[in-house]
């Protein structure tokens, strides 16, 4: 009987992409400030940002139907999907809280540009 050694991940799990997607939603809500909040999905696979008065509710997720897996916000009231253009996000994955805050700020600017 032949046994195989499992392939090693390089980089190790959690090193390259250390934050679940729901953390991006939380950073976005924090950057939007008072009147905004966020919730995490199961295992952080997507995140929900919303106004505390119920006017706006957006689900942040990766659209796997696209070629590259596009980052999108889906308006939960209308079903409209808003693709986040690459110029609205940093060129790197966040690896620390300061970088995550930068992502949140950039995504918050995009959300505000939607005029919801």
PDB file of N, CA and C in Angstrom:
ATOM      1  N   UNK A   1       0.850  -1.172   0.000  1.00  0.00           N
ATOM      2  CA  UNK A   1       0.000   0.000   0.000  1.00  0.00           C
ATOM      3  C   UNK A   1       0.896   1.236   0.000  1.00  0.00           C
ATOM      4  N   UNK A   2       0.605   2.149  -0.898  1.00  0.00           N
ATOM      5  CA  UNK A   2       1.380   3.373  -1.017  1.00  0.00           C
ATOM      6  C   UNK A   2       0.638   4.501  -0.324  1.00  0.00           C
ATOM      7  N   UNK A   3       1.357   5.232   0.490  1.00  0.00           N
ATOM      8  CA  UNK A   3       0.752   6.410   1.119  1.00  0.00           C
ATOM      9  C   UNK A   3       1.381   7.644   0.509  1.00  0.00           C
ATOM     10  N   UNK A   4       0.581   8.675   0.441  1.00  0.00           N
ATOM     11  CA  UNK A   4       1.103   9.931  -0.092  1.00  0.00           C
ATOM     12  C   UNK A   4       1.074  10.987   0.985  1.00  0.00           C
ATOM     13  N   UNK A   5       2.025  11.850   0.907  1.00  0.00           N
ATOM     14  CA  UNK A   5       2.084  12.974   1.837  1.00  0.00           C
ATOM     15  C   UNK A   5       1.250  14.100   1.252  1.00  0.00           C
ATOM     16  N   UNK A   6       0.370  14.684   2.056  1.00  0.00           N
ATOM     17  CA  UNK A   6      -0.434  15.790   1.527  1.00  0.00           C
ATOM     18  C   UNK A   6       0.460  16.930   1.054  1.00  0.00           C
ATOM     19  N   UNK A   7       0.026  17.564  -0.027  1.00  0.00           N
ATOM     20  CA  UNK A   7       0.785  18.700  -0.555  1.00  0.00           C
ATOM     21  C   UNK A   7       0.817  19.811   0.486  1.00  0.00           C
ATOM     22  N   UNK A   8       1.931  20.446   0.607  1.00  0.00           N
ATOM     23  CA  UNK A   8       2.064  21.575   1.526  1.00  0.00           C
ATOM     24  C   UNK A   8       1.611  22.837   0.815  1.00  0.00           C
ATOM     25  N   UNK A   9       0.917  23.639   1.548  1.00  0.00           N
ATOM     26  CA  UNK A   9       0.491  24.920   0.997  1.00  0.00           C
ATOM     27  C   UNK A   9       1.645  25.907   1.080  1.00  0.00           C
ATOM     28  N   UNK A  10       1.810  26.664   0.040  1.00  0.00           N
ATOM     29  CA  UNK A  10       2.832  27.703   0.052  1.00  0.00           C
ATOM     30  C   UNK A  10       2.233  28.948  -0.573  1.00  0.00           C
ATOM     31  N   UNK A  11       2.016  30.001   0.150  1.00  0.00           N
ATOM     32  CA  UNK A  11       2.328  30.154   1.569  1.00  0.00           C
ATOM     33  C   UNK A  11       1.356  29.371   2.454  1.00  0.00           C
ATOM     34  N   UNK A  12       1.702  29.239   3.696  1.00  0.00           N
ATOM     35  CA  UNK A  12       0.878  28.495   4.647  1.00  0.00           C
ATOM     36  C   UNK A  12      -0.508  29.122   4.746  1.00  0.00           C
ATOM     37  N   UNK A  13      -1.543  28.323   5.045  1.00  0.00           N
ATOM     38  CA  UNK A  13      -2.893  28.868   5.187  1.00  0.00           C
ATOM     39  C   UNK A  13      -2.913  30.059   6.143  1.00  0.00           C
ATOM     40  N   UNK A  14      -3.613  31.112   5.728  1.00  0.00           N
ATOM     41  CA  UNK A  14      -3.719  32.304   6.556  1.00  0.00           C
ATOM     42  C   UNK A  14      -2.599  33.303   6.349  1.00  0.00           C
ATOM     43  N   UNK A  15      -1.586  32.955   5.607  1.00  0.00           N
ATOM     44  CA  UNK A  15      -0.456  33.866   5.390  1.00  0.00           C
ATOM     45  C   UNK A  15      -0.698  34.780   4.191  1.00  0.00           C
ATOM     46  N   UNK A  16      -1.247  34.230   3.114  1.00  0.00           N
ATOM     47  CA  UNK A  16      -1.446  35.041   1.916  1.00  0.00           C
ATOM     48  C   UNK A  16      -2.746  35.851   2.015  1.00  0.00           C
ATOM     49  N   UNK A  17      -3.820  35.205   2.405  1.00  0.00           N
ATOM     50  CA  UNK A  17      -5.114  35.856   2.559  1.00  0.00           C
ATOM     51  C   UNK A  17      -5.562  35.625   3.995  1.00  0.00           C
ATOM     52  N   UNK A  18      -5.224  36.565   4.847  1.00  0.00           N
ATOM     53  CA  UNK A  18      -5.417  36.314   6.278  1.00  0.00           C
ATOM     54  C   UNK A  18      -6.766  36.770   6.808  1.00  0.00           C
ATOM     55  N   UNK A  19      -7.584  37.414   5.983  1.00  0.00           N
ATOM     56  CA  UNK A  19      -8.871  37.914   6.455  1.00  0.00           C
ATOM     57  C   UNK A  19     -10.014  37.299   5.653  1.00  0.00           C
ATOM     58  N   UNK A  20     -11.080  36.870   6.327  1.00  0.00           N
ATOM     59  CA  UNK A  20     -12.257  36.415   5.587  1.00  0.00           C
ATOM     60  C   UNK A  20     -12.985  37.627   5.003  1.00  0.00           C
ATOM     61  N   UNK A  21     -13.802  37.392   4.020  1.00  0.00           N
ATOM     62  CA  UNK A  21     -14.487  38.467   3.319  1.00  0.00           C
ATOM     63  C   UNK A  21     -15.374  39.297   4.243  1.00  0.00           C
ATOM     64  N   UNK A  22     -15.917  38.684   5.259  1.00  0.00           N
ATOM     65  CA  UNK A  22     -16.765  39.449   6.181  1.00  0.00           C
ATOM     66  C   UNK A  22     -15.972  40.532   6.915  1.00  0.00           C
ATOM     67  N   UNK A  23     -14.670  40.343   7.091  1.00  0.00           N
ATOM     68  CA  UNK A  23     -13.844  41.389   7.706  1.00  0.00           C
ATOM     69  C   UNK A  23     -13.748  42.623   6.813  1.00  0.00           C
ATOM     70  N   UNK A  24     -13.781  42.410   5.502  1.00  0.00           N
ATOM     71  CA  UNK A  24     -13.790  43.540   4.573  1.00  0.00           C
ATOM     72  C   UNK A  24     -15.083  44.341   4.755  1.00  0.00           C
ATOM     73  N   UNK A  25     -16.185  43.639   4.936  1.00  0.00           N
ATOM     74  CA  UNK A  25     -17.466  44.316   5.165  1.00  0.00           C
ATOM     75  C   UNK A  25     -17.423  45.094   6.479  1.00  0.00           C
ATOM     76  N   UNK A  26     -16.881  44.504   7.511  1.00  0.00           N
ATOM     77  CA  UNK A  26     -16.791  45.204   8.801  1.00  0.00           C
ATOM     78  C   UNK A  26     -15.896  46.438   8.700  1.00  0.00           C
ATOM     79  N   UNK A  27     -14.791  46.328   7.969  1.00  0.00           N
ATOM     80  CA  UNK A  27     -13.901  47.479   7.790  1.00  0.00           C
ATOM     81  C   UNK A  27     -14.602  48.575   6.979  1.00  0.00           C
ATOM     82  N   UNK A  28     -15.414  48.172   6.017  1.00  0.00           N
ATOM     83  CA  UNK A  28     -16.167  49.136   5.219  1.00  0.00           C
ATOM     84  C   UNK A  28     -17.180  49.870   6.084  1.00  0.00           C
ATOM     85  N   UNK A  29     -17.928  49.145   6.895  1.00  0.00           N
ATOM     86  CA  UNK A  29     -18.910  49.776   7.781  1.00  0.00           C
ATOM     87  C   UNK A  29     -18.225  50.710   8.772  1.00  0.00           C
ATOM     88  N   UNK A  30     -17.076  50.304   9.293  1.00  0.00           N
ATOM     89  CA  UNK A  30     -16.345  51.161  10.230  1.00  0.00           C
ATOM     90  C   UNK A  30     -15.906  52.452   9.538  1.00  0.00           C
ATOM     91  N   UNK A  31     -15.450  52.348   8.286  1.00  0.00           N
ATOM     92  CA  UNK A  31     -15.016  53.529   7.547  1.00  0.00           C
ATOM     93  C   UNK A  31     -16.198  54.435   7.199  1.00  0.00           C
ATOM     94  N   UNK A  32     -17.369  53.843   6.972  1.00  0.00           N
ATOM     95  CA  UNK A  32     -18.553  54.643   6.675  1.00  0.00           C
ATOM     96  C   UNK A  32     -19.008  55.427   7.904  1.00  0.00           C
ATOM     97  N   UNK A  33     -18.725  54.884   9.083  1.00  0.00           N
ATOM     98  CA  UNK A  33     -18.965  55.624  10.322  1.00  0.00           C
ATOM     99  C   UNK A  33     -20.330  55.411  10.946  1.00  0.00           C
ATOM    100  N   UNK A  34     -20.710  56.380  11.748  1.00  0.00           N
ATOM    101  CA  UNK A  34     -21.955  56.314  12.519  1.00  0.00           C
ATOM    102  C   UNK A  34     -23.144  56.091  11.580  1.00  0.00           C
ATOM    103  N   UNK A  35     -24.005  55.205  12.000  1.00  0.00           N
ATOM    104  CA  UNK A  35     -25.181  54.888  11.207  1.00  0.00           C
ATOM    105  C   UNK A  35     -25.011  53.682  10.308  1.00  0.00           C
ATOM    106  N   UNK A  36     -23.807  53.082  10.316  1.00  0.00           N
ATOM    107  CA  UNK A  36     -23.534  51.884   9.528  1.00  0.00           C
ATOM    108  C   UNK A  36     -23.089  50.760  10.444  1.00  0.00           C
ATOM    109  N   UNK A  37     -23.397  49.529  10.058  1.00  0.00           N
ATOM    110  CA  UNK A  37     -22.975  48.363  10.827  1.00  0.00           C
ATOM    111  C   UNK A  37     -22.753  47.211   9.853  1.00  0.00           C
ATOM    112  N   UNK A  38     -22.277  46.093  10.367  1.00  0.00           N
ATOM    113  CA  UNK A  38     -21.990  44.929   9.526  1.00  0.00           C
ATOM    114  C   UNK A  38     -22.281  43.651  10.284  1.00  0.00           C
ATOM    115  N   UNK A  39     -22.549  42.599   9.517  1.00  0.00           N
ATOM    116  CA  UNK A  39     -22.722  41.255  10.059  1.00  0.00           C
ATOM    117  C   UNK A  39     -21.891  40.294   9.219  1.00  0.00           C
ATOM    118  N   UNK A  40     -21.450  39.237   9.853  1.00  0.00           N
ATOM    119  CA  UNK A  40     -20.664  38.216   9.160  1.00  0.00           C
ATOM    120  C   UNK A  40     -21.541  37.034   8.801  1.00  0.00           C
ATOM    121  N   UNK A  41     -21.248  36.450   7.661  1.00  0.00           N
ATOM    122  CA  UNK A  41     -21.921  35.219   7.271  1.00  0.00           C
ATOM    123  C   UNK A  41     -21.204  34.037   7.911  1.00  0.00           C
ATOM    124  N   UNK A  42     -21.764  32.866   7.701  1.00  0.00           N
ATOM    125  CA  UNK A  42     -21.152  31.644   8.185  1.00  0.00           C
ATOM    126  C   UNK A  42     -19.752  31.515   7.596  1.00  0.00           C
ATOM    127  N   UNK A  43     -18.766  31.327   8.409  1.00  0.00           N
ATOM    128  CA  UNK A  43     -17.354  31.206   8.042  1.00  0.00           C
ATOM    129  C   UNK A  43     -16.792  32.455   7.370  1.00  0.00           C
ATOM    130  N   UNK A  44     -17.531  33.554   7.406  1.00  0.00           N
ATOM    131  CA  UNK A  44     -17.030  34.804   6.845  1.00  0.00           C
ATOM    132  C   UNK A  44     -16.972  34.825   5.332  1.00  0.00           C
ATOM    133  N   UNK A  45     -17.711  33.947   4.669  1.00  0.00           N
ATOM    134  CA  UNK A  45     -17.657  33.842   3.213  1.00  0.00           C
ATOM    135  C   UNK A  45     -18.212  35.074   2.504  1.00  0.00           C
ATOM    136  N   UNK A  46     -19.065  35.824   3.162  1.00  0.00           N
ATOM    137  CA  UNK A  46     -19.542  37.111   2.667  1.00  0.00           C
ATOM    138  C   UNK A  46     -19.877  37.968   3.866  1.00  0.00           C
ATOM    139  N   UNK A  47     -20.078  39.225   3.633  1.00  0.00           N
ATOM    140  CA  UNK A  47     -20.404  40.131   4.721  1.00  0.00           C
ATOM    141  C   UNK A  47     -21.558  41.028   4.323  1.00  0.00           C
ATOM    142  N   UNK A  48     -22.282  41.489   5.301  1.00  0.00           N
ATOM    143  CA  UNK A  48     -23.422  42.374   5.077  1.00  0.00           C
ATOM    144  C   UNK A  48     -23.116  43.712   5.723  1.00  0.00           C
ATOM    145  N   UNK A  49     -23.259  44.785   4.957  1.00  0.00           N
ATOM    146  CA  UNK A  49     -23.173  46.117   5.545  1.00  0.00           C
ATOM    147  C   UNK A  49     -24.538  46.765   5.386  1.00  0.00           C
ATOM    148  N   UNK A  50     -24.919  47.547   6.370  1.00  0.00           N
ATOM    149  CA  UNK A  50     -26.255  48.116   6.350  1.00  0.00           C
ATOM    150  C   UNK A  50     -26.301  49.383   7.188  1.00  0.00           C
ATOM    151  N   UNK A  51     -27.285  50.221   6.857  1.00  0.00           N
ATOM    152  CA  UNK A  51     -27.519  51.397   7.682  1.00  0.00           C
ATOM    153  C   UNK A  51     -28.380  50.951   8.855  1.00  0.00           C
ATOM    154  N   UNK A  52     -28.143  51.544   9.999  1.00  0.00           N
ATOM    155  CA  UNK A  52     -28.875  51.132  11.200  1.00  0.00           C
ATOM    156  C   UNK A  52     -30.341  51.543  11.146  1.00  0.00           C
ATOM    157  N   UNK A  53     -30.705  52.454  10.211  1.00  0.00           N
ATOM    158  CA  UNK A  53     -32.117  52.816  10.059  1.00  0.00           C
ATOM    159  C   UNK A  53     -32.820  51.948   9.015  1.00  0.00           C
ATOM    160  N   UNK A  54     -32.108  50.987   8.429  1.00  0.00           N
ATOM    161  CA  UNK A  54     -32.710  50.044   7.501  1.00  0.00           C
ATOM    162  C   UNK A  54     -32.850  50.532   6.066  1.00  0.00           C
ATOM    163  N   UNK A  55     -32.347  51.710   5.739  1.00  0.00           N
ATOM    164  CA  UNK A  55     -32.464  52.229   4.373  1.00  0.00           C
ATOM    165  C   UNK A  55     -31.660  51.421   3.367  1.00  0.00           C
ATOM    166  N   UNK A  56     -30.452  51.012   3.751  1.00  0.00           N
ATOM    167  CA  UNK A  56     -29.529  50.352   2.829  1.00  0.00           C
ATOM    168  C   UNK A  56     -29.044  49.045   3.443  1.00  0.00           C
ATOM    169  N   UNK A  57     -29.003  48.007   2.616  1.00  0.00           N
ATOM    170  CA  UNK A  57     -28.456  46.717   3.023  1.00  0.00           C
ATOM    171  C   UNK A  57     -27.717  46.136   1.818  1.00  0.00           C
ATOM    172  N   UNK A  58     -26.417  45.972   1.957  1.00  0.00           N
ATOM    173  CA  UNK A  58     -25.572  45.502   0.861  1.00  0.00           C
ATOM    174  C   UNK A  58     -24.789  44.263   1.282  1.00  0.00           C
ATOM    175  N   UNK A  59     -24.833  43.255   0.435  1.00  0.00           N
ATOM    176  CA  UNK A  59     -24.047  42.045   0.688  1.00  0.00           C
ATOM    177  C   UNK A  59     -22.774  42.133  -0.138  1.00  0.00           C
ATOM    178  N   UNK A  60     -21.629  42.008   0.518  1.00  0.00           N
ATOM    179  CA  UNK A  60     -20.322  42.011  -0.139  1.00  0.00           C
ATOM    180  C   UNK A  60     -19.889  40.560  -0.328  1.00  0.00           C
ATOM    181  N   UNK A  61     -19.615  40.200  -1.581  1.00  0.00           N
ATOM    182  CA  UNK A  61     -19.179  38.837  -1.861  1.00  0.00           C
ATOM    183  C   UNK A  61     -18.332  38.823  -3.127  1.00  0.00           C
ATOM    184  N   UNK A  62     -17.772  37.675  -3.423  1.00  0.00           N
ATOM    185  CA  UNK A  62     -17.008  37.493  -4.653  1.00  0.00           C
ATOM    186  C   UNK A  62     -17.895  36.745  -5.629  1.00  0.00           C
ATOM    187  N   UNK A  63     -18.132  37.371  -6.787  1.00  0.00           N
ATOM    188  CA  UNK A  63     -18.945  36.774  -7.839  1.00  0.00           C
ATOM    189  C   UNK A  63     -18.090  35.753  -8.582  1.00  0.00           C
ATOM    190  N   UNK A  64     -18.373  34.505  -8.380  1.00  0.00           N
ATOM    191  CA  UNK A  64     -17.573  33.447  -8.993  1.00  0.00           C
ATOM    192  C   UNK A  64     -17.984  33.157 -10.425  1.00  0.00           C
ATOM    193  N   UNK A  65     -19.018  33.850 -10.930  1.00  0.00           N
ATOM    194  CA  UNK A  65     -19.407  33.665 -12.325  1.00  0.00           C
ATOM    195  C   UNK A  65     -18.437  34.371 -13.267  1.00  0.00           C
ATOM    196  N   UNK A  66     -17.762  35.394 -12.780  1.00  0.00           N
ATOM    197  CA  UNK A  66     -16.806  36.130 -13.615  1.00  0.00           C
ATOM    198  C   UNK A  66     -15.523  35.344 -13.803  1.00  0.00           C
ATOM    199  N   UNK A  67     -14.712  35.802 -14.737  1.00  0.00           N
ATOM    200  CA  UNK A  67     -13.454  35.113 -15.027  1.00  0.00           C
ATOM    201  C   UNK A  67     -12.480  35.157 -13.863  1.00  0.00           C
ATOM    202  N   UNK A  68     -12.447  36.275 -13.153  1.00  0.00           N
ATOM    203  CA  UNK A  68     -11.446  36.449 -12.106  1.00  0.00           C
ATOM    204  C   UNK A  68     -12.015  36.391 -10.699  1.00  0.00           C
ATOM    205  N   UNK A  69     -13.315  36.263 -10.563  1.00  0.00           N
ATOM    206  CA  UNK A  69     -13.908  36.329  -9.241  1.00  0.00           C
ATOM    207  C   UNK A  69     -13.978  37.772  -8.794  1.00  0.00           C
ATOM    208  N   UNK A  70     -14.970  38.491  -9.292  1.00  0.00           N
ATOM    209  CA  UNK A  70     -15.081  39.922  -9.040  1.00  0.00           C
ATOM    210  C   UNK A  70     -15.703  40.224  -7.685  1.00  0.00           C
ATOM    211  N   UNK A  71     -15.213  41.273  -7.051  1.00  0.00           N
ATOM    212  CA  UNK A  71     -15.754  41.749  -5.785  1.00  0.00           C
ATOM    213  C   UNK A  71     -16.982  42.601  -6.097  1.00  0.00           C
ATOM    214  N   UNK A  72     -18.107  42.273  -5.474  1.00  0.00           N
ATOM    215  CA  UNK A  72     -19.352  42.980  -5.756  1.00  0.00           C
ATOM    216  C   UNK A  72     -20.124  43.282  -4.474  1.00  0.00           C
ATOM    217  N   UNK A  73     -20.954  44.308  -4.561  1.00  0.00           N
ATOM    218  CA  UNK A  73     -21.955  44.607  -3.550  1.00  0.00           C
ATOM    219  C   UNK A  73     -23.312  44.348  -4.184  1.00  0.00           C
ATOM    220  N   UNK A  74     -24.148  43.579  -3.521  1.00  0.00           N
ATOM    221  CA  UNK A  74     -25.507  43.337  -3.988  1.00  0.00           C
ATOM    222  C   UNK A  74     -26.478  44.086  -3.085  1.00  0.00           C
ATOM    223  N   UNK A  75     -27.305  44.929  -3.688  1.00  0.00           N
ATOM    224  CA  UNK A  75     -28.338  45.649  -2.943  1.00  0.00           C
ATOM    225  C   UNK A  75     -29.427  44.648  -2.601  1.00  0.00           C
ATOM    226  N   UNK A  76     -29.634  44.412  -1.333  1.00  0.00           N
ATOM    227  CA  UNK A  76     -30.576  43.375  -0.915  1.00  0.00           C
ATOM    228  C   UNK A  76     -32.022  43.765  -1.165  1.00  0.00           C
ATOM    229  N   UNK A  77     -32.320  45.049  -1.300  1.00  0.00           N
ATOM    230  CA  UNK A  77     -33.692  45.485  -1.558  1.00  0.00           C
ATOM    231  C   UNK A  77     -34.054  45.354  -3.036  1.00  0.00           C
ATOM    232  N   UNK A  78     -33.118  45.692  -3.922  1.00  0.00           N
ATOM    233  CA  UNK A  78     -33.418  45.720  -5.353  1.00  0.00           C
ATOM    234  C   UNK A  78     -32.836  44.547  -6.125  1.00  0.00           C
ATOM    235  N   UNK A  79     -31.827  43.899  -5.562  1.00  0.00           N
ATOM    236  CA  UNK A  79     -31.134  42.829  -6.271  1.00  0.00           C
ATOM    237  C   UNK A  79     -30.071  43.341  -7.223  1.00  0.00           C
ATOM    238  N   UNK A  80     -29.905  44.666  -7.309  1.00  0.00           N
ATOM    239  CA  UNK A  80     -28.871  45.241  -8.174  1.00  0.00           C
ATOM    240  C   UNK A  80     -27.498  44.815  -7.681  1.00  0.00           C
ATOM    241  N   UNK A  81     -26.636  44.463  -8.641  1.00  0.00           N
ATOM    242  CA  UNK A  81     -25.276  44.049  -8.328  1.00  0.00           C
ATOM    243  C   UNK A  81     -24.326  45.124  -8.827  1.00  0.00           C
ATOM    244  N   UNK A  82     -23.463  45.596  -7.932  1.00  0.00           N
ATOM    245  CA  UNK A  82     -22.509  46.656  -8.240  1.00  0.00           C
ATOM    246  C   UNK A  82     -21.093  46.097  -8.186  1.00  0.00           C
ATOM    247  N   UNK A  83     -20.498  45.936  -9.360  1.00  0.00           N
ATOM    248  CA  UNK A  83     -19.119  45.463  -9.458  1.00  0.00           C
ATOM    249  C   UNK A  83     -18.185  46.533  -8.927  1.00  0.00           C
ATOM    250  N   UNK A  84     -17.283  46.150  -8.030  1.00  0.00           N
ATOM    251  CA  UNK A  84     -16.298  47.093  -7.508  1.00  0.00           C
ATOM    252  C   UNK A  84     -15.149  47.167  -8.508  1.00  0.00           C
ATOM    253  N   UNK A  85     -14.993  48.325  -9.198  1.00  0.00           N
ATOM    254  CA  UNK A  85     -13.898  48.439 -10.168  1.00  0.00           C
ATOM    255  C   UNK A  85     -12.539  48.343  -9.487  1.00  0.00           C
ATOM    256  N   UNK A  86     -11.579  47.803 -10.214  1.00  0.00           N
ATOM    257  CA  UNK A  86     -10.255  47.586  -9.627  1.00  0.00           C
ATOM    258  C   UNK A  86      -9.611  48.879  -9.145  1.00  0.00           C
ATOM    259  N   UNK A  87      -9.947  50.021  -9.741  1.00  0.00           N
ATOM    260  CA  UNK A  87      -9.355  51.286  -9.277  1.00  0.00           C
ATOM    261  C   UNK A  87      -9.891  51.711  -7.910  1.00  0.00           C
ATOM    262  N   UNK A  88     -10.920  51.022  -7.412  1.00  0.00           N
ATOM    263  CA  UNK A  88     -11.475  51.337  -6.099  1.00  0.00           C
ATOM    264  C   UNK A  88     -10.938  50.433  -4.993  1.00  0.00           C
ATOM    265  N   UNK A  89      -9.990  49.567  -5.315  1.00  0.00           N
ATOM    266  CA  UNK A  89      -9.427  48.689  -4.290  1.00  0.00           C
ATOM    267  C   UNK A  89      -7.898  48.714  -4.378  1.00  0.00           C
ATOM    268  N   UNK A  90      -7.235  48.511  -3.248  1.00  0.00           N
ATOM    269  CA  UNK A  90      -5.765  48.465  -3.258  1.00  0.00           C
ATOM    270  C   UNK A  90      -5.245  47.301  -4.101  1.00  0.00           C
ATOM    271  N   UNK A  91      -3.984  47.367  -4.450  1.00  0.00           N
ATOM    272  CA  UNK A  91      -3.344  46.342  -5.275  1.00  0.00           C
ATOM    273  C   UNK A  91      -2.769  45.193  -4.455  1.00  0.00           C
ATOM    274  N   UNK A  92      -3.202  45.033  -3.233  1.00  0.00           N
ATOM    275  CA  UNK A  92      -2.624  44.016  -2.357  1.00  0.00           C
ATOM    276  C   UNK A  92      -3.700  43.466  -1.433  1.00  0.00           C
ATOM    277  N   UNK A  93      -3.462  42.298  -0.902  1.00  0.00           N
ATOM    278  CA  UNK A  93      -4.343  41.731   0.115  1.00  0.00           C
ATOM    279  C   UNK A  93      -3.895  42.262   1.467  1.00  0.00           C
ATOM    280  N   UNK A  94      -4.838  42.626   2.328  1.00  0.00           N
ATOM    281  CA  UNK A  94      -4.423  43.142   3.630  1.00  0.00           C
ATOM    282  C   UNK A  94      -3.797  42.047   4.487  1.00  0.00           C
ATOM    283  N   UNK A  95      -2.712  42.412   5.151  1.00  0.00           N
ATOM    284  CA  UNK A  95      -2.043  41.438   6.024  1.00  0.00           C
ATOM    285  C   UNK A  95      -1.941  41.938   7.457  1.00  0.00           C
ATOM    286  N   UNK A  96      -2.538  43.113   7.732  1.00  0.00           N
ATOM    287  CA  UNK A  96      -2.538  43.635   9.095  1.00  0.00           C
ATOM    288  C   UNK A  96      -3.733  44.590   9.239  1.00  0.00           C
ATOM    289  N   UNK A  97      -4.064  44.979  10.456  1.00  0.00           N
ATOM    290  CA  UNK A  97      -5.235  45.838  10.670  1.00  0.00           C
ATOM    291  C   UNK A  97      -5.176  47.179   9.946  1.00  0.00           C
ATOM    292  N   UNK A  98      -4.010  47.780   9.821  1.00  0.00           N
ATOM    293  CA  UNK A  98      -3.909  49.054   9.109  1.00  0.00           C
ATOM    294  C   UNK A  98      -4.244  48.894   7.625  1.00  0.00           C
ATOM    295  N   UNK A  99      -3.750  47.831   7.025  1.00  0.00           N
ATOM    296  CA  UNK A  99      -4.055  47.580   5.620  1.00  0.00           C
ATOM    297  C   UNK A  99      -5.534  47.247   5.442  1.00  0.00           C
ATOM    298  N   UNK A 100      -6.128  46.533   6.405  1.00  0.00           N
ATOM    299  CA  UNK A 100      -7.556  46.237   6.325  1.00  0.00           C
ATOM    300  C   UNK A 100      -8.361  47.538   6.425  1.00  0.00           C
ATOM    301  N   UNK A 101      -7.935  48.454   7.263  1.00  0.00           N
ATOM    302  CA  UNK A 101      -8.616  49.752   7.378  1.00  0.00           C
ATOM    303  C   UNK A 101      -8.523  50.518   6.055  1.00  0.00           C
ATOM    304  N   UNK A 102      -7.387  50.404   5.360  1.00  0.00           N
ATOM    305  CA  UNK A 102      -7.239  51.052   4.058  1.00  0.00           C
ATOM    306  C   UNK A 102      -8.244  50.473   3.054  1.00  0.00           C
ATOM    307  N   UNK A 103      -8.367  49.156   3.052  1.00  0.00           N
ATOM    308  CA  UNK A 103      -9.366  48.513   2.193  1.00  0.00           C
ATOM    309  C   UNK A 103     -10.764  49.013   2.542  1.00  0.00           C
ATOM    310  N   UNK A 104     -11.061  49.057   3.838  1.00  0.00           N
ATOM    311  CA  UNK A 104     -12.382  49.518   4.266  1.00  0.00           C
ATOM    312  C   UNK A 104     -12.668  50.929   3.798  1.00  0.00           C
ATOM    313  N   UNK A 105     -11.672  51.803   3.882  1.00  0.00           N
ATOM    314  CA  UNK A 105     -11.846  53.174   3.423  1.00  0.00           C
ATOM    315  C   UNK A 105     -12.109  53.246   1.927  1.00  0.00           C
ATOM    316  N   UNK A 106     -11.371  52.468   1.153  1.00  0.00           N
ATOM    317  CA  UNK A 106     -11.564  52.462  -0.297  1.00  0.00           C
ATOM    318  C   UNK A 106     -12.935  51.897  -0.676  1.00  0.00           C
ATOM    319  N   UNK A 107     -13.342  50.817  -0.002  1.00  0.00           N
ATOM    320  CA  UNK A 107     -14.662  50.249  -0.287  1.00  0.00           C
ATOM    321  C   UNK A 107     -15.775  51.182   0.171  1.00  0.00           C
ATOM    322  N   UNK A 108     -15.558  51.904   1.263  1.00  0.00           N
ATOM    323  CA  UNK A 108     -16.555  52.872   1.732  1.00  0.00           C
ATOM    324  C   UNK A 108     -16.757  53.980   0.704  1.00  0.00           C
ATOM    325  N   UNK A 109     -15.674  54.453   0.111  1.00  0.00           N
ATOM    326  CA  UNK A 109     -15.796  55.473  -0.937  1.00  0.00           C
ATOM    327  C   UNK A 109     -16.604  54.949  -2.119  1.00  0.00           C
ATOM    328  N   UNK A 110     -16.402  53.696  -2.464  1.00  0.00           N
ATOM    329  CA  UNK A 110     -17.185  53.095  -3.548  1.00  0.00           C
ATOM    330  C   UNK A 110     -18.664  53.039  -3.167  1.00  0.00           C
ATOM    331  N   UNK A 111     -18.956  52.585  -1.959  1.00  0.00           N
ATOM    332  CA  UNK A 111     -20.360  52.496  -1.509  1.00  0.00           C
ATOM    333  C   UNK A 111     -21.006  53.883  -1.577  1.00  0.00           C
ATOM    334  N   UNK A 112     -20.316  54.898  -1.116  1.00  0.00           N
ATOM    335  CA  UNK A 112     -20.864  56.255  -1.161  1.00  0.00           C
ATOM    336  C   UNK A 112     -21.085  56.715  -2.595  1.00  0.00           C
ATOM    337  N   UNK A 113     -20.241  56.275  -3.516  1.00  0.00           N
ATOM    338  CA  UNK A 113     -20.384  56.670  -4.918  1.00  0.00           C
ATOM    339  C   UNK A 113     -21.647  56.084  -5.552  1.00  0.00           C
ATOM    340  N   UNK A 114     -22.220  55.052  -4.935  1.00  0.00           N
ATOM    341  CA  UNK A 114     -23.435  54.454  -5.464  1.00  0.00           C
ATOM    342  C   UNK A 114     -24.663  55.337  -5.260  1.00  0.00           C
ATOM    343  N   UNK A 115     -24.568  56.281  -4.311  1.00  0.00           N
ATOM    344  CA  UNK A 115     -25.663  57.209  -4.064  1.00  0.00           C
ATOM    345  C   UNK A 115     -26.929  56.563  -3.540  1.00  0.00           C
ATOM    346  N   UNK A 116     -26.776  55.538  -2.758  1.00  0.00           N
ATOM    347  CA  UNK A 116     -27.946  54.826  -2.228  1.00  0.00           C
ATOM    348  C   UNK A 116     -28.631  55.566  -1.125  1.00  0.00           C
TER     349      UNK A 116
END
